[in-house]
Amino acid sequence: MKLLLITAIKEFESNIKNILVKSGAKSFTYNSVKGFKNEGESNKTSNWFASSYAETDSLLFTVFVPLENTEIIIKKIEDFNSHQETLSKVHIALIALEQQF
């Protein structure tokens, strides 16, 4: 079992839901969050949010899926991002779970 954390701007909500459902995710949760990007000199890494010094209405999805479903979801997210003309992309983090109850 893997844990996926997915962030996206609010406008991508239906797209992310469709990707998850069509990729075999049986259930997931999501919450509204405010994204923030600070492009100061000390921030040399890429940030998950496109605009700088402004809050962005975003969503955080929490998805528990079997390992075999993660590859499908990641591929569909990459495909979705490759077709976007906006600065904002969907971001995904994959976390291995040591225990589950």
PDB file of N, CA and C in Angstrom:
ATOM      1  N   MET A   1       0.851  -1.179   0.000  1.00  0.00           N
ATOM      2  CA  MET A   1       0.000   0.000   0.000  1.00  0.00           C
ATOM      3  C   MET A   1       0.891   1.234   0.000  1.00  0.00           C
ATOM      4  N   LYS A   2       0.514   2.213  -0.788  1.00  0.00           N
ATOM      5  CA  LYS A   2       1.252   3.474  -0.890  1.00  0.00           C
ATOM      6  C   LYS A   2       0.319   4.641  -0.567  1.00  0.00           C
ATOM      7  N   LEU A   3       0.921   5.713  -0.123  1.00  0.00           N
ATOM      8  CA  LEU A   3       0.207   6.957   0.130  1.00  0.00           C
ATOM      9  C   LEU A   3       0.651   7.962  -0.918  1.00  0.00           C
ATOM     10  N   LEU A   4      -0.306   8.526  -1.630  1.00  0.00           N
ATOM     11  CA  LEU A   4      -0.023   9.581  -2.595  1.00  0.00           C
ATOM     12  C   LEU A   4      -0.543  10.894  -2.043  1.00  0.00           C
ATOM     13  N   LEU A   5       0.275  11.919  -2.114  1.00  0.00           N
ATOM     14  CA  LEU A   5      -0.148  13.281  -1.798  1.00  0.00           C
ATOM     15  C   LEU A   5      -0.098  14.048  -3.108  1.00  0.00           C
ATOM     16  N   ILE A   6      -1.222  14.623  -3.470  1.00  0.00           N
ATOM     17  CA  ILE A   6      -1.330  15.331  -4.741  1.00  0.00           C
ATOM     18  C   ILE A   6      -1.785  16.752  -4.464  1.00  0.00           C
ATOM     19  N   THR A   7      -1.072  17.730  -5.015  1.00  0.00           N
ATOM     20  CA  THR A   7      -1.512  19.117  -4.917  1.00  0.00           C
ATOM     21  C   THR A   7      -1.803  19.642  -6.314  1.00  0.00           C
ATOM     22  N   ALA A   8      -2.818  20.472  -6.392  1.00  0.00           N
ATOM     23  CA  ALA A   8      -3.217  21.070  -7.659  1.00  0.00           C
ATOM     24  C   ALA A   8      -4.033  22.313  -7.369  1.00  0.00           C
ATOM     25  N   ILE A   9      -4.084  23.193  -8.353  1.00  0.00           N
ATOM     26  CA  ILE A   9      -4.937  24.363  -8.192  1.00  0.00           C
ATOM     27  C   ILE A   9      -6.399  23.917  -8.239  1.00  0.00           C
ATOM     28  N   LYS A  10      -7.253  24.703  -7.639  1.00  0.00           N
ATOM     29  CA  LYS A  10      -8.678  24.389  -7.533  1.00  0.00           C
ATOM     30  C   LYS A  10      -9.300  24.086  -8.901  1.00  0.00           C
ATOM     31  N   GLU A  11      -8.833  24.759  -9.934  1.00  0.00           N
ATOM     32  CA  GLU A  11      -9.398  24.583 -11.281  1.00  0.00           C
ATOM     33  C   GLU A  11      -9.188  23.171 -11.831  1.00  0.00           C
ATOM     34  N   PHE A  12      -8.235  22.422 -11.280  1.00  0.00           N
ATOM     35  CA  PHE A  12      -7.958  21.066 -11.760  1.00  0.00           C
ATOM     36  C   PHE A  12      -8.715  19.994 -10.971  1.00  0.00           C
ATOM     37  N   GLU A  13      -9.622  20.383 -10.091  1.00  0.00           N
ATOM     38  CA  GLU A  13     -10.304  19.430  -9.206  1.00  0.00           C
ATOM     39  C   GLU A  13     -10.953  18.276  -9.973  1.00  0.00           C
ATOM     40  N   SER A  14     -11.775  18.571 -10.954  1.00  0.00           N
ATOM     41  CA  SER A  14     -12.474  17.489 -11.662  1.00  0.00           C
ATOM     42  C   SER A  14     -11.501  16.609 -12.445  1.00  0.00           C
ATOM     43  N   ASN A  15     -10.432  17.194 -12.978  1.00  0.00           N
ATOM     44  CA  ASN A  15      -9.432  16.417 -13.703  1.00  0.00           C
ATOM     45  C   ASN A  15      -8.751  15.405 -12.781  1.00  0.00           C
ATOM     46  N   ILE A  16      -8.380  15.841 -11.583  1.00  0.00           N
ATOM     47  CA  ILE A  16      -7.702  14.951 -10.632  1.00  0.00           C
ATOM     48  C   ILE A  16      -8.657  13.844 -10.192  1.00  0.00           C
ATOM     49  N   LYS A  17      -9.891  14.191  -9.900  1.00  0.00           N
ATOM     50  CA  LYS A  17     -10.868  13.177  -9.504  1.00  0.00           C
ATOM     51  C   LYS A  17     -11.024  12.120 -10.596  1.00  0.00           C
ATOM     52  N   ASN A  18     -11.125  12.555 -11.839  1.00  0.00           N
ATOM     53  CA  ASN A  18     -11.252  11.623 -12.961  1.00  0.00           C
ATOM     54  C   ASN A  18     -10.030  10.715 -13.081  1.00  0.00           C
ATOM     55  N   ILE A  19      -8.846  11.284 -12.948  1.00  0.00           N
ATOM     56  CA  ILE A  19      -7.619  10.493 -13.014  1.00  0.00           C
ATOM     57  C   ILE A  19      -7.619   9.429 -11.923  1.00  0.00           C
ATOM     58  N   LEU A  20      -7.987   9.806 -10.702  1.00  0.00           N
ATOM     59  CA  LEU A  20      -7.976   8.856  -9.593  1.00  0.00           C
ATOM     60  C   LEU A  20      -8.992   7.735  -9.792  1.00  0.00           C
ATOM     61  N   VAL A  21     -10.210   8.093 -10.173  1.00  0.00           N
ATOM     62  CA  VAL A  21     -11.255   7.089 -10.362  1.00  0.00           C
ATOM     63  C   VAL A  21     -10.886   6.133 -11.495  1.00  0.00           C
ATOM     64  N   LYS A  22     -10.400   6.679 -12.612  1.00  0.00           N
ATOM     65  CA  LYS A  22     -10.056   5.845 -13.770  1.00  0.00           C
ATOM     66  C   LYS A  22      -8.774   5.039 -13.557  1.00  0.00           C
ATOM     67  N   SER A  23      -8.032   5.366 -12.505  1.00  0.00           N
ATOM     68  CA  SER A  23      -6.789   4.645 -12.209  1.00  0.00           C
ATOM     69  C   SER A  23      -6.968   3.611 -11.107  1.00  0.00           C
ATOM     70  N   GLY A  24      -8.197   3.399 -10.673  1.00  0.00           N
ATOM     71  CA  GLY A  24      -8.468   2.354  -9.694  1.00  0.00           C
ATOM     72  C   GLY A  24      -8.392   2.764  -8.240  1.00  0.00           C
ATOM     73  N   ALA A  25      -8.331   4.063  -7.962  1.00  0.00           N
ATOM     74  CA  ALA A  25      -8.352   4.504  -6.565  1.00  0.00           C
ATOM     75  C   ALA A  25      -9.758   4.268  -6.014  1.00  0.00           C
ATOM     76  N   LYS A  26      -9.862   3.458  -4.983  1.00  0.00           N
ATOM     77  CA  LYS A  26     -11.173   3.110  -4.416  1.00  0.00           C
ATOM     78  C   LYS A  26     -11.744   4.243  -3.571  1.00  0.00           C
ATOM     79  N   SER A  27     -10.864   4.981  -2.902  1.00  0.00           N
ATOM     80  CA  SER A  27     -11.319   6.116  -2.097  1.00  0.00           C
ATOM     81  C   SER A  27     -10.163   7.092  -1.926  1.00  0.00           C
ATOM     82  N   PHE A  28     -10.501   8.325  -1.674  1.00  0.00           N
ATOM     83  CA  PHE A  28      -9.503   9.353  -1.421  1.00  0.00           C
ATOM     84  C   PHE A  28     -10.175  10.501  -0.700  1.00  0.00           C
ATOM     85  N   THR A  29      -9.359  11.344  -0.104  1.00  0.00           N
ATOM     86  CA  THR A  29      -9.874  12.556   0.527  1.00  0.00           C
ATOM     87  C   THR A  29      -9.189  13.747  -0.126  1.00  0.00           C
ATOM     88  N   TYR A  30      -9.828  14.892  -0.020  1.00  0.00           N
ATOM     89  CA  TYR A  30      -9.167  16.111  -0.463  1.00  0.00           C
ATOM     90  C   TYR A  30      -9.671  17.281   0.364  1.00  0.00           C
ATOM     91  N   ASN A  31      -8.805  18.264   0.508  1.00  0.00           N
ATOM     92  CA  ASN A  31      -9.095  19.452   1.300  1.00  0.00           C
ATOM     93  C   ASN A  31      -8.637  20.690   0.552  1.00  0.00           C
ATOM     94  N   SER A  32      -9.302  21.782   0.816  1.00  0.00           N
ATOM     95  CA  SER A  32      -8.858  23.067   0.283  1.00  0.00           C
ATOM     96  C   SER A  32      -7.648  23.528   1.083  1.00  0.00           C
ATOM     97  N   VAL A  33      -6.643  24.003   0.384  1.00  0.00           N
ATOM     98  CA  VAL A  33      -5.445  24.535   1.028  1.00  0.00           C
ATOM     99  C   VAL A  33      -5.053  25.815   0.309  1.00  0.00           C
ATOM    100  N   LYS A  34      -4.239  26.612   0.951  1.00  0.00           N
ATOM    101  CA  LYS A  34      -3.682  27.805   0.323  1.00  0.00           C
ATOM    102  C   LYS A  34      -2.236  27.512  -0.034  1.00  0.00           C
ATOM    103  N   GLY A  35      -1.921  27.616  -1.318  1.00  0.00           N
ATOM    104  CA  GLY A  35      -0.552  27.422  -1.765  1.00  0.00           C
ATOM    105  C   GLY A  35       0.191  28.742  -1.707  1.00  0.00           C
ATOM    106  N   PHE A  36       1.469  28.674  -1.388  1.00  0.00           N
ATOM    107  CA  PHE A  36       2.286  29.876  -1.308  1.00  0.00           C
ATOM    108  C   PHE A  36       3.668  29.560  -1.849  1.00  0.00           C
ATOM    109  N   LYS A  37       4.228  30.480  -2.611  1.00  0.00           N
ATOM    110  CA  LYS A  37       5.578  30.311  -3.138  1.00  0.00           C
ATOM    111  C   LYS A  37       6.403  31.534  -2.784  1.00  0.00           C
ATOM    112  N   ASN A  38       7.548  31.295  -2.184  1.00  0.00           N
ATOM    113  CA  ASN A  38       8.476  32.361  -1.825  1.00  0.00           C
ATOM    114  C   ASN A  38       9.710  32.197  -2.689  1.00  0.00           C
ATOM    115  N   GLU A  39       9.939  33.114  -3.603  1.00  0.00           N
ATOM    116  CA  GLU A  39      11.067  32.994  -4.526  1.00  0.00           C
ATOM    117  C   GLU A  39      12.273  33.790  -4.060  1.00  0.00           C
ATOM    118  N   GLY A  40      12.485  33.849  -2.773  1.00  0.00           N
ATOM    119  CA  GLY A  40      13.648  34.554  -2.244  1.00  0.00           C
ATOM    120  C   GLY A  40      14.945  33.902  -2.679  1.00  0.00           C
ATOM    121  N   GLU A  41      16.059  34.595  -2.478  1.00  0.00           N
ATOM    122  CA  GLU A  41      17.363  34.086  -2.891  1.00  0.00           C
ATOM    123  C   GLU A  41      17.705  32.752  -2.259  1.00  0.00           C
ATOM    124  N   SER A  42      17.261  32.530  -1.024  1.00  0.00           N
ATOM    125  CA  SER A  42      17.614  31.294  -0.332  1.00  0.00           C
ATOM    126  C   SER A  42      16.809  30.097  -0.810  1.00  0.00           C
ATOM    127  N   ASN A  43      15.775  30.328  -1.598  1.00  0.00           N
ATOM    128  CA  ASN A  43      14.935  29.235  -2.082  1.00  0.00           C
ATOM    129  C   ASN A  43      15.392  28.806  -3.474  1.00  0.00           C
ATOM    130  N   LYS A  44      16.312  27.841  -3.525  1.00  0.00           N
ATOM    131  CA  LYS A  44      16.883  27.389  -4.795  1.00  0.00           C
ATOM    132  C   LYS A  44      16.135  26.202  -5.393  1.00  0.00           C
ATOM    133  N   THR A  45      15.214  25.602  -4.641  1.00  0.00           N
ATOM    134  CA  THR A  45      14.483  24.441  -5.138  1.00  0.00           C
ATOM    135  C   THR A  45      13.176  24.876  -5.770  1.00  0.00           C
ATOM    136  N   SER A  46      12.637  24.022  -6.621  1.00  0.00           N
ATOM    137  CA  SER A  46      11.348  24.339  -7.233  1.00  0.00           C
ATOM    138  C   SER A  46      10.242  24.187  -6.194  1.00  0.00           C
ATOM    139  N   ASN A  47       9.220  24.978  -6.325  1.00  0.00           N
ATOM    140  CA  ASN A  47       8.109  24.971  -5.393  1.00  0.00           C
ATOM    141  C   ASN A  47       6.891  24.385  -6.084  1.00  0.00           C
ATOM    142  N   TRP A  48       5.948  23.933  -5.317  1.00  0.00           N
ATOM    143  CA  TRP A  48       4.771  23.285  -5.885  1.00  0.00           C
ATOM    144  C   TRP A  48       3.726  24.270  -6.387  1.00  0.00           C
ATOM    145  N   PHE A  49       3.879  25.527  -6.130  1.00  0.00           N
ATOM    146  CA  PHE A  49       2.858  26.501  -6.506  1.00  0.00           C
ATOM    147  C   PHE A  49       3.452  27.521  -7.471  1.00  0.00           C
ATOM    148  N   ALA A  50       2.671  27.884  -8.478  1.00  0.00           N
ATOM    149  CA  ALA A  50       3.208  28.644  -9.608  1.00  0.00           C
ATOM    150  C   ALA A  50       3.443  30.123  -9.335  1.00  0.00           C
ATOM    151  N   SER A  51       2.572  30.782  -8.631  1.00  0.00           N
ATOM    152  CA  SER A  51       2.720  32.223  -8.475  1.00  0.00           C
ATOM    153  C   SER A  51       3.582  32.554  -7.269  1.00  0.00           C
ATOM    154  N   SER A  52       4.276  33.665  -7.328  1.00  0.00           N
ATOM    155  CA  SER A  52       5.163  34.005  -6.227  1.00  0.00           C
ATOM    156  C   SER A  52       4.526  35.086  -5.355  1.00  0.00           C
ATOM    157  N   TYR A  53       4.801  35.008  -4.067  1.00  0.00           N
ATOM    158  CA  TYR A  53       4.338  35.965  -3.074  1.00  0.00           C
ATOM    159  C   TYR A  53       2.823  36.168  -3.089  1.00  0.00           C
ATOM    160  N   ALA A  54       2.093  35.166  -3.466  1.00  0.00           N
ATOM    161  CA  ALA A  54       0.637  35.247  -3.453  1.00  0.00           C
ATOM    162  C   ALA A  54       0.083  33.885  -3.050  1.00  0.00           C
ATOM    163  N   GLU A  55      -1.021  33.913  -2.364  1.00  0.00           N
ATOM    164  CA  GLU A  55      -1.674  32.664  -2.007  1.00  0.00           C
ATOM    165  C   GLU A  55      -2.525  32.195  -3.176  1.00  0.00           C
ATOM    166  N   THR A  56      -2.567  30.891  -3.362  1.00  0.00           N
ATOM    167  CA  THR A  56      -3.309  30.284  -4.460  1.00  0.00           C
ATOM    168  C   THR A  56      -4.310  29.298  -3.893  1.00  0.00           C
ATOM    169  N   ASP A  57      -5.566  29.378  -4.331  1.00  0.00           N
ATOM    170  CA  ASP A  57      -6.566  28.392  -3.919  1.00  0.00           C
ATOM    171  C   ASP A  57      -6.205  27.053  -4.542  1.00  0.00           C
ATOM    172  N   SER A  58      -5.897  26.097  -3.685  1.00  0.00           N
ATOM    173  CA  SER A  58      -5.410  24.802  -4.145  1.00  0.00           C
ATOM    174  C   SER A  58      -6.116  23.683  -3.409  1.00  0.00           C
ATOM    175  N   LEU A  59      -5.822  22.455  -3.836  1.00  0.00           N
ATOM    176  CA  LEU A  59      -6.370  21.265  -3.204  1.00  0.00           C
ATOM    177  C   LEU A  59      -5.241  20.320  -2.849  1.00  0.00           C
ATOM    178  N   LEU A  60      -5.409  19.592  -1.756  1.00  0.00           N
ATOM    179  CA  LEU A  60      -4.484  18.542  -1.354  1.00  0.00           C
ATOM    180  C   LEU A  60      -5.275  17.249  -1.295  1.00  0.00           C
ATOM    181  N   PHE A  61      -4.918  16.302  -2.154  1.00  0.00           N
ATOM    182  CA  PHE A  61      -5.549  14.987  -2.189  1.00  0.00           C
ATOM    183  C   PHE A  61      -4.688  14.004  -1.414  1.00  0.00           C
ATOM    184  N   THR A  62      -5.323  13.159  -0.615  1.00  0.00           N
ATOM    185  CA  THR A  62      -4.666  12.079   0.110  1.00  0.00           C
ATOM    186  C   THR A  62      -5.262  10.783  -0.410  1.00  0.00           C
ATOM    187  N   VAL A  63      -4.404   9.933  -0.977  1.00  0.00           N
ATOM    188  CA  VAL A  63      -4.885   8.733  -1.660  1.00  0.00           C
ATOM    189  C   VAL A  63      -4.081   7.522  -1.181  1.00  0.00           C
ATOM    190  N   PHE A  64      -4.775   6.494  -0.700  1.00  0.00           N
ATOM    191  CA  PHE A  64      -4.141   5.223  -0.357  1.00  0.00           C
ATOM    192  C   PHE A  64      -4.450   4.247  -1.476  1.00  0.00           C
ATOM    193  N   VAL A  65      -3.408   3.712  -2.123  1.00  0.00           N
ATOM    194  CA  VAL A  65      -3.607   2.786  -3.240  1.00  0.00           C
ATOM    195  C   VAL A  65      -2.564   1.677  -3.206  1.00  0.00           C
ATOM    196  N   PRO A  66      -2.894   0.532  -3.803  1.00  0.00           N
ATOM    197  CA  PRO A  66      -1.891  -0.528  -3.957  1.00  0.00           C
ATOM    198  C   PRO A  66      -0.758  -0.054  -4.878  1.00  0.00           C
ATOM    199  N   LEU A  67       0.412  -0.638  -4.721  1.00  0.00           N
ATOM    200  CA  LEU A  67       1.586  -0.254  -5.500  1.00  0.00           C
ATOM    201  C   LEU A  67       1.305  -0.223  -7.003  1.00  0.00           C
ATOM    202  N   GLU A  68       0.599  -1.225  -7.514  1.00  0.00           N
ATOM    203  CA  GLU A  68       0.365  -1.296  -8.960  1.00  0.00           C
ATOM    204  C   GLU A  68      -0.460  -0.116  -9.488  1.00  0.00           C
ATOM    205  N   ASN A  69      -1.276   0.498  -8.653  1.00  0.00           N
ATOM    206  CA  ASN A  69      -2.073   1.638  -9.092  1.00  0.00           C
ATOM    207  C   ASN A  69      -1.258   2.937  -9.118  1.00  0.00           C
ATOM    208  N   THR A  70      -0.187   3.004  -8.347  1.00  0.00           N
ATOM    209  CA  THR A  70       0.603   4.240  -8.283  1.00  0.00           C
ATOM    210  C   THR A  70       1.213   4.574  -9.634  1.00  0.00           C
ATOM    211  N   GLU A  71       1.725   3.578 -10.325  1.00  0.00           N
ATOM    212  CA  GLU A  71       2.345   3.830 -11.626  1.00  0.00           C
ATOM    213  C   GLU A  71       1.331   4.376 -12.633  1.00  0.00           C
ATOM    214  N   ILE A  72       0.116   3.867 -12.583  1.00  0.00           N
ATOM    215  CA  ILE A  72      -0.941   4.336 -13.486  1.00  0.00           C
ATOM    216  C   ILE A  72      -1.265   5.803 -13.181  1.00  0.00           C
ATOM    217  N   ILE A  73      -1.432   6.119 -11.908  1.00  0.00           N
ATOM    218  CA  ILE A  73      -1.776   7.487 -11.508  1.00  0.00           C
ATOM    219  C   ILE A  73      -0.657   8.450 -11.873  1.00  0.00           C
ATOM    220  N   ILE A  74       0.585   8.084 -11.573  1.00  0.00           N
ATOM    221  CA  ILE A  74       1.724   8.961 -11.888  1.00  0.00           C
ATOM    222  C   ILE A  74       1.809   9.210 -13.391  1.00  0.00           C
ATOM    223  N   LYS A  75       1.628   8.182 -14.193  1.00  0.00           N
ATOM    224  CA  LYS A  75       1.675   8.327 -15.648  1.00  0.00           C
ATOM    225  C   LYS A  75       0.571   9.272 -16.145  1.00  0.00           C
ATOM    226  N   LYS A  76      -0.627   9.126 -15.608  1.00  0.00           N
ATOM    227  CA  LYS A  76      -1.742   9.993 -16.030  1.00  0.00           C
ATOM    228  C   LYS A  76      -1.520  11.442 -15.596  1.00  0.00           C
ATOM    229  N   ILE A  77      -0.928  11.634 -14.425  1.00  0.00           N
ATOM    230  CA  ILE A  77      -0.606  13.003 -13.960  1.00  0.00           C
ATOM    231  C   ILE A  77       0.463  13.612 -14.880  1.00  0.00           C
ATOM    232  N   GLU A  78       1.490  12.843 -15.208  1.00  0.00           N
ATOM    233  CA  GLU A  78       2.532  13.338 -16.115  1.00  0.00           C
ATOM    234  C   GLU A  78       1.933  13.708 -17.473  1.00  0.00           C
ATOM    235  N   ASP A  79       1.040  12.876 -17.974  1.00  0.00           N
ATOM    236  CA  ASP A  79       0.385  13.145 -19.252  1.00  0.00           C
ATOM    237  C   ASP A  79      -0.464  14.417 -19.168  1.00  0.00           C
ATOM    238  N   PHE A  80      -1.217  14.541 -18.082  1.00  0.00           N
ATOM    239  CA  PHE A  80      -2.042  15.739 -17.874  1.00  0.00           C
ATOM    240  C   PHE A  80      -1.160  16.991 -17.857  1.00  0.00           C
ATOM    241  N   ASN A  81      -0.064  16.939 -17.087  1.00  0.00           N
ATOM    242  CA  ASN A  81       0.832  18.093 -16.988  1.00  0.00           C
ATOM    243  C   ASN A  81       1.458  18.456 -18.331  1.00  0.00           C
ATOM    244  N   SER A  82       1.766  17.454 -19.146  1.00  0.00           N
ATOM    245  CA  SER A  82       2.421  17.725 -20.430  1.00  0.00           C
ATOM    246  C   SER A  82       1.509  18.475 -21.397  1.00  0.00           C
ATOM    247  N   HIS A  83       0.212  18.438 -21.151  1.00  0.00           N
ATOM    248  CA  HIS A  83      -0.738  19.125 -22.023  1.00  0.00           C
ATOM    249  C   HIS A  83      -1.212  20.468 -21.462  1.00  0.00           C
ATOM    250  N   GLN A  84      -0.662  20.890 -20.324  1.00  0.00           N
ATOM    251  CA  GLN A  84      -1.073  22.150 -19.709  1.00  0.00           C
ATOM    252  C   GLN A  84      -0.269  23.314 -20.250  1.00  0.00           C
ATOM    253  N   GLU A  85      -0.966  24.400 -20.515  1.00  0.00           N
ATOM    254  CA  GLU A  85      -0.295  25.620 -20.958  1.00  0.00           C
ATOM    255  C   GLU A  85      -0.126  26.610 -19.813  1.00  0.00           C
ATOM    256  N   THR A  86      -0.644  26.273 -18.648  1.00  0.00           N
ATOM    257  CA  THR A  86      -0.527  27.158 -17.486  1.00  0.00           C
ATOM    258  C   THR A  86       0.793  26.896 -16.772  1.00  0.00           C
ATOM    259  N   LEU A  87       1.207  27.834 -15.942  1.00  0.00           N
ATOM    260  CA  LEU A  87       2.412  27.650 -15.138  1.00  0.00           C
ATOM    261  C   LEU A  87       2.197  26.609 -14.051  1.00  0.00           C
ATOM    262  N   SER A  88       0.977  26.503 -13.583  1.00  0.00           N
ATOM    263  CA  SER A  88       0.674  25.586 -12.502  1.00  0.00           C
ATOM    264  C   SER A  88       0.546  24.167 -13.035  1.00  0.00           C
ATOM    265  N   LYS A  89       1.158  23.251 -12.344  1.00  0.00           N
ATOM    266  CA  LYS A  89       1.095  21.832 -12.690  1.00  0.00           C
ATOM    267  C   LYS A  89       0.557  21.058 -11.490  1.00  0.00           C
ATOM    268  N   VAL A  90       0.152  19.841 -11.738  1.00  0.00           N
ATOM    269  CA  VAL A  90      -0.250  18.939 -10.664  1.00  0.00           C
ATOM    270  C   VAL A  90       1.034  18.303 -10.123  1.00  0.00           C
ATOM    271  N   HIS A  91       1.163  18.262  -8.805  1.00  0.00           N
ATOM    272  CA  HIS A  91       2.344  17.678  -8.169  1.00  0.00           C
ATOM    273  C   HIS A  91       1.929  16.474  -7.348  1.00  0.00           C
ATOM    274  N   ILE A  92       2.808  15.480  -7.326  1.00  0.00           N
ATOM    275  CA  ILE A  92       2.485  14.244  -6.626  1.00  0.00           C
ATOM    276  C   ILE A  92       3.706  13.760  -5.851  1.00  0.00           C
ATOM    277  N   ALA A  93       3.467  13.278  -4.644  1.00  0.00           N
ATOM    278  CA  ALA A  93       4.503  12.677  -3.815  1.00  0.00           C
ATOM    279  C   ALA A  93       4.046  11.277  -3.444  1.00  0.00           C
ATOM    280  N   LEU A  94       4.942  10.324  -3.551  1.00  0.00           N
ATOM    281  CA  LEU A  94       4.665   8.932  -3.263  1.00  0.00           C
ATOM    282  C   LEU A  94       5.379   8.553  -1.967  1.00  0.00           C
ATOM    283  N   ILE A  95       4.605   8.020  -1.017  1.00  0.00           N
ATOM    284  CA  ILE A  95       5.156   7.684   0.290  1.00  0.00           C
ATOM    285  C   ILE A  95       4.892   6.211   0.569  1.00  0.00           C
ATOM    286  N   ALA A  96       5.948   5.466   0.879  1.00  0.00           N
ATOM    287  CA  ALA A  96       5.795   4.058   1.249  1.00  0.00           C
ATOM    288  C   ALA A  96       5.319   3.992   2.690  1.00  0.00           C
ATOM    289  N   LEU A  97       4.384   3.094   2.964  1.00  0.00           N
ATOM    290  CA  LEU A  97       3.846   2.942   4.308  1.00  0.00           C
ATOM    291  C   LEU A  97       4.494   1.742   4.985  1.00  0.00           C
ATOM    292  N   GLU A  98       4.996   1.957   6.193  1.00  0.00           N
ATOM    293  CA  GLU A  98       5.601   0.861   6.934  1.00  0.00           C
ATOM    294  C   GLU A  98       4.565   0.001   7.616  1.00  0.00           C
ATOM    295  N   GLN A  99       3.509   0.624   8.106  1.00  0.00           N
ATOM    296  CA  GLN A  99       2.427  -0.095   8.770  1.00  0.00           C
ATOM    297  C   GLN A  99       1.108   0.503   8.333  1.00  0.00           C
ATOM    298  N   GLN A 100       0.102  -0.351   8.328  1.00  0.00           N
ATOM    299  CA  GLN A 100      -1.244   0.144   8.077  1.00  0.00           C
ATOM    300  C   GLN A 100      -2.182  -0.611   9.005  1.00  0.00           C
ATOM    301  N   PHE A 101      -3.216   0.058   9.452  1.00  0.00           N
ATOM    302  CA  PHE A 101      -4.148  -0.525  10.421  1.00  0.00           C
ATOM    303  C   PHE A 101      -5.550  -0.557   9.847  1.00  0.00           C
TER     304      PHE A 101
END
